């Protein structure tokens, strides 16, 4: 979508004129359009909402209210338990293994939670820990999902392309773990997940880096071909031991490609609802920016520099400029290389800086999606030139899961 930056700035400024920065907003028109666009890329397969990328229950519910969206991919077990208890999110698949004994005890003590929450495992060690907390026979059967490593290991494994996740990489290893789970009392194997981070989470068109972009696209093509074959074989091996309810894969950056894999029954997305800056580097589909935060200009150290209070809301991952928030509106602002985005102040330069005055707002976009919500207690929902609602983030509800 082509964005008229001045029109967007006017809308956001007008809608939030009564607010004092810093604060965060979500443009619900863009949010809803992104939800519809993502659902339209799956070939009819449902999308599981990645709560890590949203971190506000009202907006999770808003996404799940759209056709084609069903269920939540939670990032911790305490969060999954809380989401199910508070309602409105359906079932919850926990994306990572847990060692939270308190949350496991809570899950095992509640048949409603046990029926709705699925645990992630990639080793029998995790089953041992669960049994130590709540032995089989004293709990309902717990739902589990196997995490299949989706990284690409060409040249006979001498090269690793992707993130370091599960030790379960081959179809044979997946089948062996499935057999072990099936033989354990107190567990029910219901799903398999594989997250291809090197495809879904890596932009294939980094700005100003044509050679790198070509190399990324080459690697992604090779990785995708290999994964489709291996994931299909792994699903077949696991199905010899369990009737799987779902096979989950992908993320915002690979929704269409992952959906095309016949072994996959559902995909995950979340970041594409907010449209953070890391997704500006994708060719196949780019979400419309929907989430912003505002900081106030508080000083003018030179005629060419405007300094805002705060702004250093840096994203997780490899320390690099790509993890810094980007001054977005007014157009034509840049961070200063020597200072970047600071904890208490962020000086800005560029053609637009000279026109800013003390008290003006500067609108930033976060590099990632849900991490923005760890900085604010609430999100102001903007429709046109009006704040139509204000909803709490996880932090605003007193919850900090990671």
Protein backbone atom coordinates (compact mmCIF):
# COMPACT_ATOMS: atom_id res chain seq x y z
CA UNK A 1 0.00 0.00 0.00
CA UNK A 2 1.29 3.47 -0.91
CA UNK A 3 1.41 5.68 2.17
CA UNK A 4 0.98 9.44 1.99
CA UNK A 5 3.28 10.32 4.87
CA UNK A 6 1.95 13.83 5.40
CA UNK A 7 -1.65 12.65 5.47
CA UNK A 8 -0.76 9.89 7.92
CA UNK A 9 1.15 12.32 10.13
CA UNK A 10 -1.77 14.74 10.18
CA UNK A 11 -4.19 11.95 11.09
CA UNK A 12 -2.03 10.67 13.94
CA UNK A 13 -1.27 14.16 15.26
CA UNK A 14 -4.93 15.16 15.17
CA UNK A 15 -6.16 11.96 16.79
CA UNK A 16 -3.67 12.16 19.66
CA UNK A 17 -3.45 15.92 20.21
CA UNK A 18 -4.78 15.44 23.74
CA UNK A 19 -2.02 12.97 24.69
CA UNK A 20 1.44 13.67 26.04
CA UNK A 21 4.29 11.57 24.58
CA UNK A 22 5.61 8.99 24.82
CA UNK A 23 2.69 6.81 23.80
CA UNK A 24 1.90 4.14 21.22
CA UNK A 25 -0.92 3.84 18.72
CA UNK A 26 -2.30 1.22 16.37
CA UNK A 27 -4.04 2.31 13.18
CA UNK A 28 -6.92 -0.18 13.19
CA UNK A 29 -7.68 0.29 9.50
CA UNK A 30 -4.17 -0.84 8.62
CA UNK A 31 -4.24 -3.58 11.27
CA UNK A 32 -7.49 -5.03 9.90
CA UNK A 33 -6.28 -4.75 6.31
CA UNK A 34 -3.11 -6.65 7.22
CA UNK A 35 -5.18 -9.39 8.89
CA UNK A 36 -7.31 -9.77 5.77
CA UNK A 37 -4.29 -9.73 3.46
CA UNK A 38 -2.49 -12.41 5.47
CA UNK A 39 -5.55 -14.66 5.48
CA UNK A 40 -5.79 -14.23 1.75
CA UNK A 41 -2.30 -15.65 1.27
CA UNK A 42 -2.85 -19.04 2.94
CA UNK A 43 -4.91 -20.87 0.34
CA UNK A 44 -7.61 -21.43 2.92
CA UNK A 45 -5.40 -22.80 5.68
CA UNK A 46 -6.02 -21.18 9.08
CA UNK A 47 -3.60 -18.73 10.67
CA UNK A 48 -2.59 -19.13 14.29
CA UNK A 49 -1.94 -15.72 15.87
CA UNK A 50 1.57 -15.30 17.31
CA UNK A 51 0.92 -13.62 20.65
CA UNK A 52 4.60 -12.67 21.04
CA UNK A 53 4.12 -10.27 18.16
CA UNK A 54 0.91 -8.71 19.50
CA UNK A 55 1.03 -8.65 23.35
CA UNK A 56 -2.36 -7.03 23.82
CA UNK A 57 -5.38 -9.23 24.48
CA UNK A 58 -7.86 -6.93 22.78
CA UNK A 59 -5.86 -6.92 19.57
CA UNK A 60 -5.33 -10.67 19.74
CA UNK A 61 -9.11 -10.96 19.91
CA UNK A 62 -9.48 -8.49 17.05
CA UNK A 63 -7.24 -10.60 14.81
CA UNK A 64 -8.96 -13.83 15.80
CA UNK A 65 -12.29 -12.24 14.94
CA UNK A 66 -11.21 -12.05 11.29
CA UNK A 67 -12.09 -14.93 8.93
CA UNK A 68 -9.22 -17.37 8.53
CA UNK A 69 -7.67 -16.82 11.97
CA UNK A 70 -7.92 -19.46 14.71
CA UNK A 71 -5.98 -20.20 17.88
CA UNK A 72 -2.91 -18.66 19.48
CA UNK A 73 0.80 -19.46 19.35
CA UNK A 74 1.87 -18.38 22.84
CA UNK A 75 5.47 -17.80 23.84
CA UNK A 76 5.36 -19.03 27.45
CA UNK A 77 3.20 -21.47 29.37
CA UNK A 78 2.14 -18.92 32.03
CA UNK A 79 0.94 -16.69 29.19
CA UNK A 80 -0.95 -19.56 27.54
CA UNK A 81 -2.66 -20.47 30.80
CA UNK A 82 -3.64 -16.83 31.36
CA UNK A 83 -4.96 -16.35 27.83
CA UNK A 84 -7.13 -19.46 28.04
CA UNK A 85 -8.42 -18.54 31.50
CA UNK A 86 -9.34 -15.01 30.43
CA UNK A 87 -11.09 -16.31 27.31
CA UNK A 88 -11.44 -15.15 23.76
CA UNK A 89 -8.35 -16.77 22.27
CA UNK A 90 -9.39 -20.38 21.82
CA UNK A 91 -6.70 -23.01 22.11
CA UNK A 92 -3.08 -22.08 22.77
CA UNK A 93 0.02 -23.79 21.43
CA UNK A 94 3.13 -22.92 23.46
CA UNK A 95 5.90 -22.20 20.95
CA UNK A 96 8.84 -23.11 23.18
CA UNK A 97 9.55 -25.84 25.74
CA UNK A 98 8.91 -24.84 29.35
CA UNK A 99 10.63 -25.44 32.65
CA UNK A 100 8.12 -23.37 34.64
CA UNK A 101 7.07 -25.75 37.39
CA UNK A 102 4.38 -23.49 38.77
CA UNK A 103 2.70 -23.11 35.39
CA UNK A 104 2.95 -26.86 34.77
CA UNK A 105 1.28 -27.55 38.10
CA UNK A 106 -1.46 -25.06 37.22
CA UNK A 107 -1.98 -26.72 33.84
CA UNK A 108 -2.12 -30.23 35.31
CA UNK A 109 -4.59 -29.21 38.02
CA UNK A 110 -7.15 -27.77 35.61
CA UNK A 111 -8.89 -30.05 33.06
CA UNK A 112 -10.06 -27.00 31.08
CA UNK A 113 -6.49 -25.76 30.65
CA UNK A 114 -5.21 -29.25 29.91
CA UNK A 115 -7.74 -29.58 27.11
CA UNK A 116 -6.87 -26.22 25.54
CA UNK A 117 -3.09 -25.79 25.97
CA UNK A 118 -0.49 -27.74 24.00
CA UNK A 119 3.08 -28.00 25.25
CA UNK A 120 6.13 -27.95 22.97
CA UNK A 121 8.78 -30.67 23.34
CA UNK A 122 11.91 -31.68 21.48
CA UNK A 123 13.37 -34.13 24.02
CA UNK A 124 12.29 -36.75 26.52
CA UNK A 125 14.14 -34.66 29.13
CA UNK A 126 11.24 -32.23 29.00
CA UNK A 127 8.78 -35.07 29.55
CA UNK A 128 10.82 -36.14 32.59
CA UNK A 129 10.58 -32.65 34.06
CA UNK A 130 6.82 -32.54 33.53
CA UNK A 131 6.40 -35.94 35.18
CA UNK A 132 8.50 -34.81 38.13
CA UNK A 133 6.17 -31.86 38.69
CA UNK A 134 2.89 -33.71 38.15
CA UNK A 135 3.17 -37.50 37.73
CA UNK A 136 0.93 -39.32 35.28
CA UNK A 137 -2.12 -40.76 36.94
CA UNK A 138 -2.51 -37.63 39.02
CA UNK A 139 -3.28 -35.34 36.08
CA UNK A 140 -5.20 -35.29 32.83
CA UNK A 141 -3.27 -36.36 29.76
CA UNK A 142 -1.26 -33.35 28.60
CA UNK A 143 -1.24 -32.31 24.96
CA UNK A 144 2.21 -32.09 23.37
CA UNK A 145 3.62 -30.94 20.04
CA UNK A 146 6.99 -31.91 18.55
CA UNK A 147 9.34 -29.13 17.44
CA UNK A 148 11.05 -30.11 14.19
CA UNK A 149 14.14 -28.06 13.46
CA UNK A 150 13.60 -26.26 10.15
CA UNK A 151 17.14 -25.01 9.55
CA UNK A 152 18.96 -25.92 6.35
CA UNK A 153 22.18 -27.89 6.66
CA UNK A 154 23.72 -28.15 3.19
CA UNK A 155 27.13 -29.65 2.36
CA UNK A 156 26.39 -32.67 4.54
CA UNK A 157 25.70 -30.57 7.57
CA UNK A 158 28.88 -28.53 7.44
CA UNK A 159 26.83 -25.34 6.94
CA UNK A 160 23.95 -24.26 9.18
CA UNK A 161 21.41 -21.82 7.72
CA UNK A 162 18.77 -20.77 10.23
CA UNK A 163 18.37 -20.42 13.97
CA UNK A 164 19.38 -22.90 16.65
CA UNK A 165 16.19 -24.46 17.91
CA UNK A 166 15.21 -28.10 18.25
CA UNK A 167 17.72 -30.99 18.15
CA UNK A 168 15.13 -32.94 16.14
CA UNK A 169 16.13 -32.39 12.53
CA UNK A 170 15.60 -35.57 10.54
CA UNK A 171 12.42 -37.48 9.84
CA UNK A 172 13.98 -40.45 11.61
CA UNK A 173 14.62 -38.39 14.77
CA UNK A 174 11.07 -37.06 14.66
CA UNK A 175 9.67 -40.56 14.38
CA UNK A 176 11.82 -41.78 17.27
CA UNK A 177 10.69 -38.96 19.54
CA UNK A 178 7.07 -39.52 18.52
CA UNK A 179 7.41 -43.19 19.47
CA UNK A 180 8.86 -42.20 22.84
CA UNK A 181 6.03 -39.77 23.53
CA UNK A 182 3.39 -42.28 22.47
CA UNK A 183 4.87 -44.83 24.91
CA UNK A 184 4.71 -42.43 27.86
CA UNK A 185 1.56 -42.44 29.99
CA UNK A 186 0.06 -39.02 30.68
CA UNK A 187 0.86 -37.45 27.30
CA UNK A 188 -1.01 -37.13 24.04
CA UNK A 189 0.91 -36.21 20.91
CA UNK A 190 -1.33 -33.90 18.86
CA UNK A 191 0.90 -31.74 16.68
CA UNK A 192 4.17 -31.00 14.94
CA UNK A 193 5.66 -27.55 14.44
CA UNK A 194 8.58 -26.30 12.38
CA UNK A 195 9.50 -22.64 12.14
CA UNK A 196 11.62 -21.78 9.10
CA UNK A 197 13.20 -18.63 10.55
CA UNK A 198 15.65 -18.31 7.66
CA UNK A 199 12.66 -17.82 5.34
CA UNK A 200 9.88 -16.37 7.50
CA UNK A 201 12.04 -14.06 9.58
CA UNK A 202 14.71 -12.87 7.16
CA UNK A 203 13.98 -10.15 4.63
CA UNK A 204 15.09 -11.06 1.13
CA UNK A 205 15.58 -7.49 -0.10
CA UNK A 206 17.71 -5.60 2.44
CA UNK A 207 17.86 -1.93 1.37
CA UNK A 208 21.06 -0.97 -0.44
CA UNK A 209 22.48 -4.51 -0.30
CA UNK A 210 21.67 -6.09 -3.66
CA UNK A 211 24.34 -8.79 -3.43
CA UNK A 212 23.26 -9.81 0.06
CA UNK A 213 19.64 -9.92 -1.07
CA UNK A 214 20.52 -12.22 -3.97
CA UNK A 215 22.44 -14.52 -1.62
CA UNK A 216 19.52 -14.62 0.83
CA UNK A 217 17.06 -15.48 -1.92
CA UNK A 218 19.33 -18.26 -3.19
CA UNK A 219 19.58 -19.74 0.28
CA UNK A 220 15.85 -19.42 0.89
CA UNK A 221 15.01 -21.27 -2.32
CA UNK A 222 17.35 -24.12 -1.44
CA UNK A 223 16.13 -24.24 2.14
CA UNK A 224 12.48 -24.29 1.11
CA UNK A 225 12.93 -27.21 -1.30
CA UNK A 226 14.80 -29.22 1.28
CA UNK A 227 12.34 -28.45 4.07
CA UNK A 228 9.23 -29.38 2.09
CA UNK A 229 10.67 -32.83 1.45
CA UNK A 230 12.00 -33.33 4.98
CA UNK A 231 8.93 -31.96 6.73
CA UNK A 232 6.68 -34.22 4.67
CA UNK A 233 8.79 -37.24 5.62
CA UNK A 234 8.82 -36.19 9.28
CA UNK A 235 5.04 -35.80 9.37
CA UNK A 236 4.65 -39.27 7.87
CA UNK A 237 7.05 -40.74 10.44
CA UNK A 238 5.24 -39.08 13.33
CA UNK A 239 1.82 -40.15 12.05
CA UNK A 240 2.91 -43.76 12.47
CA UNK A 241 2.65 -43.16 16.22
CA UNK A 242 -0.03 -40.49 16.63
CA UNK A 243 -3.09 -39.02 14.95
CA UNK A 244 -1.91 -35.45 14.52
CA UNK A 245 -4.47 -32.68 14.83
CA UNK A 246 -2.25 -30.07 13.20
CA UNK A 247 1.09 -29.40 11.50
CA UNK A 248 2.15 -25.80 12.07
CA UNK A 249 4.77 -23.81 10.21
CA UNK A 250 5.94 -20.48 8.97
CA UNK A 251 5.55 -16.88 10.02
CA UNK A 252 4.57 -13.57 8.48
CA UNK A 253 7.45 -13.63 6.02
CA UNK A 254 6.58 -17.05 4.60
CA UNK A 255 2.80 -17.33 4.93
CA UNK A 256 2.18 -18.05 1.24
CA UNK A 257 5.17 -20.35 0.76
CA UNK A 258 4.57 -22.35 3.93
CA UNK A 259 0.86 -22.69 3.17
CA UNK A 260 1.78 -24.25 -0.18
CA UNK A 261 3.53 -27.13 1.62
CA UNK A 262 1.01 -30.01 1.51
CA UNK A 263 2.23 -31.35 4.86
CA UNK A 264 1.31 -28.11 6.67
CA UNK A 265 -2.26 -27.71 7.97
CA UNK A 266 -1.93 -24.25 9.56
CA UNK A 267 0.49 -21.31 9.54
CA UNK A 268 1.46 -18.73 12.12
CA UNK A 269 1.57 -14.95 11.74
CA UNK A 270 1.65 -11.97 14.06
CA UNK A 271 4.25 -9.37 13.11
CA UNK A 272 2.45 -8.65 9.86
CA UNK A 273 -0.48 -7.20 11.79
CA UNK A 274 1.64 -4.32 13.14
CA UNK A 275 4.04 -4.03 10.18
CA UNK A 276 7.37 -3.27 11.94
CA UNK A 277 10.40 -2.06 10.01
CA UNK A 278 12.11 -5.45 9.66
CA UNK A 279 9.34 -6.44 7.26
CA UNK A 280 10.13 -3.55 4.93
CA UNK A 281 12.86 -5.80 3.51
CA UNK A 282 10.52 -8.42 2.04
CA UNK A 283 9.64 -8.61 -1.65
CA UNK A 284 6.71 -11.04 -1.67
CA UNK A 285 4.46 -9.07 0.69
CA UNK A 286 4.96 -6.05 2.92
CA UNK A 287 2.41 -5.21 5.59
CA UNK A 288 1.03 -1.71 5.89
CA UNK A 289 2.65 -0.02 8.91
CA UNK A 290 0.02 -0.04 11.66
CA UNK A 291 1.87 0.46 14.96
CA UNK A 292 3.73 3.65 15.89
CA UNK A 293 5.06 5.39 18.96
CA UNK A 294 5.40 9.13 19.51
CA UNK A 295 8.14 11.07 21.26
CA UNK A 296 8.22 14.81 21.90
CA UNK A 297 10.86 17.23 20.68
CA UNK A 298 12.37 18.82 23.80
CA UNK A 299 15.49 20.64 22.56
CA UNK A 300 17.30 22.02 19.52
CA UNK A 301 21.06 21.65 20.09
CA UNK A 302 21.76 23.08 16.62
CA UNK A 303 19.54 24.47 13.84
CA UNK A 304 19.97 21.16 12.00
CA UNK A 305 19.19 18.84 14.94
CA UNK A 306 15.99 18.19 16.88
CA UNK A 307 16.19 16.04 20.02
CA UNK A 308 13.28 14.00 21.36
CA UNK A 309 12.89 12.72 24.89
CA UNK A 310 13.45 8.94 24.99
CA UNK A 311 13.21 6.88 21.83
CA UNK A 312 15.69 4.11 22.58
CA UNK A 313 13.23 1.26 22.23
CA UNK A 314 15.66 -1.23 20.74
CA UNK A 315 14.57 -4.65 19.44
CA UNK A 316 16.02 -8.01 20.41
CA UNK A 317 18.28 -10.04 18.15
CA UNK A 318 21.73 -9.46 16.70
CA UNK A 319 22.97 -6.02 17.73
CA UNK A 320 22.79 -4.01 14.52
CA UNK A 321 21.27 -0.79 13.15
CA UNK A 322 18.33 -2.82 11.86
CA UNK A 323 17.24 -3.32 15.49
CA UNK A 324 16.89 0.40 16.15
CA UNK A 325 13.53 2.17 15.94
CA UNK A 326 13.15 4.30 12.84
CA UNK A 327 12.00 7.93 12.94
CA UNK A 328 9.14 7.76 10.47
CA UNK A 329 7.10 10.96 10.54
CA UNK A 330 7.69 13.61 9.50
CA UNK A 331 9.48 12.02 6.57
CA UNK A 332 13.12 12.97 6.19
CA UNK A 333 14.48 12.30 9.70
CA UNK A 334 17.51 10.19 10.54
CA UNK A 335 19.25 8.91 13.63
CA UNK A 336 22.76 10.19 14.27
CA UNK A 337 25.26 7.35 13.82
CA UNK A 338 27.32 8.36 16.83
CA UNK A 339 24.34 8.21 19.20
CA UNK A 340 21.58 6.11 17.66
CA UNK A 341 18.35 5.84 19.66
CA UNK A 342 19.01 6.79 23.28
CA UNK A 343 17.50 5.73 26.57
CA UNK A 344 16.60 9.29 27.60
CA UNK A 345 17.13 11.32 24.46
CA UNK A 346 17.45 10.77 20.73
CA UNK A 347 18.90 13.52 18.52
CA UNK A 348 17.58 13.52 14.97
CA UNK A 349 18.95 15.06 11.84
CA UNK A 350 17.92 15.08 8.19
CA UNK A 351 15.96 17.54 6.03
CA UNK A 352 12.88 17.54 8.28
CA UNK A 353 14.74 18.21 11.52
CA UNK A 354 15.18 21.94 10.88
CA UNK A 355 11.39 22.46 10.77
CA UNK A 356 10.66 20.77 14.09
CA UNK A 357 9.95 22.86 17.17
CA UNK A 358 9.95 22.10 20.87
CA UNK A 359 6.70 20.25 21.65
CA UNK A 360 6.28 18.71 18.19
CA UNK A 361 5.78 14.97 17.93
CA UNK A 362 8.05 12.60 16.06
CA UNK A 363 6.52 9.27 15.10
CA UNK A 364 8.70 6.17 15.23
CA UNK A 365 8.25 2.61 14.04
CA UNK A 366 9.68 -0.24 16.09
CA UNK A 367 11.97 -2.75 14.39
CA UNK A 368 9.94 -5.69 15.72
CA UNK A 369 6.28 -6.09 16.56
CA UNK A 370 5.17 -7.06 20.05
CA UNK A 371 8.26 -5.75 21.81
CA UNK A 372 6.82 -2.26 21.46
CA UNK A 373 4.19 -3.29 24.03
CA UNK A 374 6.83 -3.89 26.70
CA UNK A 375 7.39 -0.11 26.74
CA UNK A 376 3.81 1.09 27.21
CA UNK A 377 0.84 0.22 29.40
CA UNK A 378 -1.74 0.89 26.69
CA UNK A 379 -2.28 1.21 22.98
CA UNK A 380 -4.45 3.97 21.55
CA UNK A 381 -6.49 2.65 18.64
CA UNK A 382 -6.81 5.23 15.88
CA UNK A 383 -9.41 5.21 13.14
CA UNK A 384 -9.07 8.14 10.77
CA UNK A 385 -8.43 11.22 12.92
CA UNK A 386 -9.95 9.79 16.11
CA UNK A 387 -8.82 7.62 18.99
CA UNK A 388 -11.69 5.13 19.08
CA UNK A 389 -10.44 3.02 22.00
CA UNK A 390 -7.55 2.58 24.39
CA UNK A 391 -6.62 -0.99 25.29
CA UNK A 392 -4.08 -2.40 27.76
CA UNK A 393 -0.95 -4.20 26.71
CA UNK A 394 0.26 -7.23 28.65
CA UNK A 395 2.36 -4.79 30.67
CA UNK A 396 -0.71 -2.65 31.32
CA UNK A 397 -2.44 -5.71 32.76
CA UNK A 398 0.51 -6.31 35.06
CA UNK A 399 1.89 -9.18 33.03
CA UNK A 400 5.51 -9.59 31.94
CA UNK A 401 6.11 -13.08 30.62
CA UNK A 402 9.64 -12.66 29.23
